[in-house]
Structures are given as structure tokens and as C-alpha cells.
């Protein structure tokens, strides 16, 4: 699977954010976040933006790190 899952896993672990907390912020079931976290499925590009927005509401630094890890050196 793709970069989003790897980036998400690293950010949630580094910033001590639970999958459930992110799921609540996104308005999705925790199992959806679980599948991204474990790289079983990839979020769509639109969902990646929603993940960043949800992370920003929880911890702005975590959101910035997620985008940096996901986009890499592209920007």
C-alpha cells in the first residue's frame, strides 16, 4: 500500500493520537482508520486532505508532519 498509511501510522504514534480519536474527528468508524493505519487500504486523495484537517484540529504539528511525510520533498 501507499505512503498515506505509513505517514499516518508514524504521526499517530509520534503524537500519541489514537485511531479512535482520529476516527471521531473524521466522522468515520475506527475500523476505517485501522485499515489505513495497517496499510490494508489507501485513503483517496480527498480523504488525505480530510485526514490532514482532522489532525490539525487535534494537533496542528501532527497535521504538518503528516503532510510532510506524505508529500515528501515534492513541495
N, C-alpha and C. Protein backbone atom coordinates (compact mmCIF):
# COMPACT_ATOMS: atom_id res chain seq x y z
N UNK A 1 0.83 -1.18 0.00
CA UNK A 1 0.00 0.00 0.00
C UNK A 1 0.88 1.25 0.00
N UNK A 2 0.23 2.39 0.03
CA UNK A 2 0.93 3.64 -0.23
C UNK A 2 1.50 4.37 0.97
N UNK A 3 1.91 5.55 0.66
CA UNK A 3 2.59 6.41 1.63
C UNK A 3 1.66 6.92 2.73
N UNK A 4 0.39 7.06 2.43
CA UNK A 4 -0.53 7.63 3.41
C UNK A 4 -0.59 6.80 4.68
N UNK A 5 -0.67 5.49 4.54
CA UNK A 5 -0.72 4.61 5.71
C UNK A 5 0.53 4.70 6.55
N UNK A 6 1.67 4.70 5.89
CA UNK A 6 2.94 4.81 6.61
C UNK A 6 3.04 6.15 7.34
N UNK A 7 2.67 7.22 6.65
CA UNK A 7 2.70 8.55 7.25
C UNK A 7 1.74 8.63 8.43
N UNK A 8 0.54 8.09 8.23
CA UNK A 8 -0.47 8.13 9.29
C UNK A 8 0.00 7.36 10.52
N UNK A 9 0.53 6.17 10.32
CA UNK A 9 1.00 5.36 11.44
C UNK A 9 2.08 6.10 12.22
N UNK A 10 3.05 6.66 11.52
CA UNK A 10 4.14 7.37 12.18
C UNK A 10 3.63 8.57 12.98
N UNK A 11 2.72 9.33 12.39
CA UNK A 11 2.19 10.52 13.07
C UNK A 11 1.37 10.15 14.29
N UNK A 12 0.50 9.16 14.16
CA UNK A 12 -0.32 8.77 15.30
C UNK A 12 0.55 8.27 16.45
N UNK A 13 1.59 7.51 16.12
CA UNK A 13 2.49 7.02 17.16
C UNK A 13 3.31 8.16 17.77
N UNK A 14 3.87 9.01 16.93
CA UNK A 14 4.74 10.09 17.42
C UNK A 14 4.00 11.11 18.28
N UNK A 15 2.73 11.36 17.95
CA UNK A 15 1.97 12.38 18.66
C UNK A 15 0.94 11.78 19.62
N UNK A 16 1.04 10.47 19.84
CA UNK A 16 0.17 9.77 20.80
C UNK A 16 -1.31 10.07 20.54
N UNK A 17 -1.71 9.93 19.28
CA UNK A 17 -3.10 10.12 18.88
C UNK A 17 -3.67 8.75 18.59
N UNK A 18 -4.78 8.43 19.21
CA UNK A 18 -5.38 7.11 19.00
C UNK A 18 -6.12 7.06 17.66
N UNK A 19 -6.23 5.86 17.14
CA UNK A 19 -7.01 5.67 15.92
C UNK A 19 -8.45 6.09 16.15
N UNK A 20 -8.97 5.81 17.34
CA UNK A 20 -10.34 6.18 17.65
C UNK A 20 -10.53 7.70 17.66
N UNK A 21 -9.57 8.41 18.23
CA UNK A 21 -9.68 9.87 18.28
C UNK A 21 -9.71 10.46 16.87
N UNK A 22 -8.87 9.93 15.99
CA UNK A 22 -8.88 10.40 14.61
C UNK A 22 -10.19 10.03 13.93
N UNK A 23 -10.67 8.82 14.17
CA UNK A 23 -11.93 8.39 13.57
C UNK A 23 -13.07 9.30 13.98
N UNK A 24 -13.13 9.65 15.26
CA UNK A 24 -14.18 10.56 15.75
C UNK A 24 -14.06 11.92 15.06
N UNK A 25 -12.84 12.43 14.95
CA UNK A 25 -12.63 13.73 14.31
C UNK A 25 -13.03 13.70 12.83
N UNK A 26 -12.85 12.54 12.19
CA UNK A 26 -13.21 12.39 10.78
C UNK A 26 -14.68 12.03 10.57
N UNK A 27 -15.32 11.54 11.62
CA UNK A 27 -16.70 11.09 11.49
C UNK A 27 -16.82 9.76 10.77
N UNK A 28 -15.80 8.88 10.98
CA UNK A 28 -15.82 7.55 10.38
C UNK A 28 -15.66 6.51 11.48
N UNK A 29 -15.89 5.25 11.13
CA UNK A 29 -15.68 4.16 12.09
C UNK A 29 -14.18 3.97 12.32
N UNK A 30 -13.84 3.51 13.51
CA UNK A 30 -12.43 3.27 13.82
C UNK A 30 -11.84 2.22 12.90
N UNK A 31 -12.64 1.29 12.43
CA UNK A 31 -12.14 0.24 11.54
C UNK A 31 -11.62 0.81 10.22
N UNK A 32 -12.17 1.95 9.81
CA UNK A 32 -11.68 2.61 8.59
C UNK A 32 -10.26 3.12 8.82
N UNK A 33 -10.04 3.78 9.94
CA UNK A 33 -8.71 4.28 10.28
C UNK A 33 -7.75 3.10 10.47
N UNK A 34 -8.23 2.03 11.08
CA UNK A 34 -7.43 0.82 11.28
C UNK A 34 -6.91 0.31 9.94
N UNK A 35 -7.74 0.28 8.94
CA UNK A 35 -7.33 -0.23 7.62
C UNK A 35 -6.28 0.67 6.97
N UNK A 36 -6.39 1.97 7.16
CA UNK A 36 -5.35 2.87 6.64
C UNK A 36 -4.06 2.67 7.41
N UNK A 37 -4.17 2.65 8.73
CA UNK A 37 -3.03 2.54 9.64
C UNK A 37 -2.20 1.29 9.35
N UNK A 38 -2.89 0.19 9.09
CA UNK A 38 -2.22 -1.08 8.82
C UNK A 38 -1.99 -1.33 7.33
N UNK A 39 -2.21 -0.29 6.53
CA UNK A 39 -1.95 -0.31 5.09
C UNK A 39 -2.71 -1.42 4.37
N UNK A 40 -3.93 -1.67 4.83
CA UNK A 40 -4.79 -2.64 4.15
C UNK A 40 -5.54 -1.99 3.00
N UNK A 41 -5.83 -0.69 3.16
CA UNK A 41 -6.44 0.11 2.10
C UNK A 41 -5.78 1.48 2.11
N UNK A 42 -5.89 2.16 1.00
CA UNK A 42 -5.36 3.52 0.90
C UNK A 42 -6.51 4.52 0.90
N UNK A 43 -6.37 5.62 1.63
CA UNK A 43 -7.39 6.67 1.54
C UNK A 43 -7.29 7.37 0.18
N UNK A 44 -8.41 7.89 -0.27
CA UNK A 44 -8.40 8.66 -1.51
C UNK A 44 -7.67 9.97 -1.28
N UNK A 45 -7.35 10.67 -2.36
CA UNK A 45 -6.69 11.97 -2.24
C UNK A 45 -7.55 12.94 -1.44
N UNK A 46 -8.85 12.90 -1.68
CA UNK A 46 -9.78 13.77 -0.94
C UNK A 46 -9.74 13.43 0.55
N UNK A 47 -9.67 12.14 0.85
CA UNK A 47 -9.65 11.71 2.24
C UNK A 47 -8.34 12.10 2.92
N UNK A 48 -7.24 12.08 2.18
CA UNK A 48 -5.95 12.52 2.74
C UNK A 48 -6.08 13.96 3.22
N UNK A 49 -6.74 14.79 2.43
CA UNK A 49 -6.96 16.19 2.83
C UNK A 49 -7.83 16.25 4.09
N UNK A 50 -8.84 15.39 4.17
CA UNK A 50 -9.71 15.35 5.35
C UNK A 50 -8.94 14.87 6.58
N UNK A 51 -8.04 13.91 6.38
CA UNK A 51 -7.20 13.43 7.48
C UNK A 51 -6.34 14.57 8.00
N UNK A 52 -5.73 15.32 7.09
CA UNK A 52 -4.89 16.44 7.50
C UNK A 52 -5.70 17.48 8.27
N UNK A 53 -6.91 17.76 7.82
CA UNK A 53 -7.77 18.72 8.51
C UNK A 53 -8.15 18.21 9.90
N UNK A 54 -8.49 16.92 10.00
CA UNK A 54 -8.85 16.34 11.29
C UNK A 54 -7.65 16.36 12.23
N UNK A 55 -6.48 16.01 11.72
CA UNK A 55 -5.28 16.05 12.55
C UNK A 55 -4.99 17.46 13.02
N UNK A 56 -5.23 18.44 12.15
CA UNK A 56 -4.99 19.84 12.51
C UNK A 56 -5.87 20.25 13.69
N UNK A 57 -7.10 19.73 13.73
CA UNK A 57 -8.00 20.06 14.84
C UNK A 57 -7.55 19.39 16.14
N UNK A 58 -6.81 18.29 16.02
CA UNK A 58 -6.30 17.57 17.20
C UNK A 58 -4.95 18.13 17.63
N UNK A 59 -4.06 18.29 16.65
CA UNK A 59 -2.71 18.77 16.91
C UNK A 59 -2.13 19.31 15.61
N UNK A 60 -2.02 20.61 15.47
CA UNK A 60 -1.52 21.20 14.22
C UNK A 60 -0.14 20.69 13.80
N UNK A 61 0.72 20.41 14.77
CA UNK A 61 2.05 19.89 14.43
C UNK A 61 1.95 18.50 13.82
N UNK A 62 1.02 17.70 14.30
CA UNK A 62 0.81 16.36 13.75
C UNK A 62 0.33 16.45 12.31
N UNK A 63 -0.54 17.40 12.04
CA UNK A 63 -1.04 17.59 10.67
C UNK A 63 0.09 17.98 9.73
N UNK A 64 0.93 18.90 10.18
CA UNK A 64 2.06 19.33 9.35
C UNK A 64 3.02 18.18 9.09
N UNK A 65 3.25 17.37 10.10
CA UNK A 65 4.14 16.21 9.95
C UNK A 65 3.53 15.19 8.99
N UNK A 66 2.23 14.96 9.08
CA UNK A 66 1.55 14.03 8.18
C UNK A 66 1.73 14.47 6.72
N UNK A 67 1.50 15.74 6.46
CA UNK A 67 1.65 16.26 5.10
C UNK A 67 3.10 16.15 4.65
N UNK A 68 4.04 16.49 5.52
CA UNK A 68 5.46 16.39 5.16
C UNK A 68 5.84 14.95 4.82
N UNK A 69 5.39 14.01 5.63
CA UNK A 69 5.71 12.60 5.38
C UNK A 69 5.01 12.09 4.12
N UNK A 70 3.79 12.54 3.90
CA UNK A 70 3.01 12.05 2.76
C UNK A 70 3.54 12.63 1.45
N UNK A 71 3.77 13.92 1.42
CA UNK A 71 4.20 14.59 0.19
C UNK A 71 5.70 14.44 -0.02
N UNK A 72 6.45 14.36 1.07
CA UNK A 72 7.89 14.23 0.96
C UNK A 72 8.54 15.51 0.49
N UNK A 73 9.52 15.38 -0.35
CA UNK A 73 10.29 16.53 -0.83
C UNK A 73 9.64 17.20 -2.04
N UNK A 74 8.45 16.78 -2.41
CA UNK A 74 7.79 17.31 -3.60
C UNK A 74 7.56 18.82 -3.51
N UNK A 75 7.11 19.27 -2.33
CA UNK A 75 6.82 20.71 -2.18
C UNK A 75 8.02 21.44 -1.64
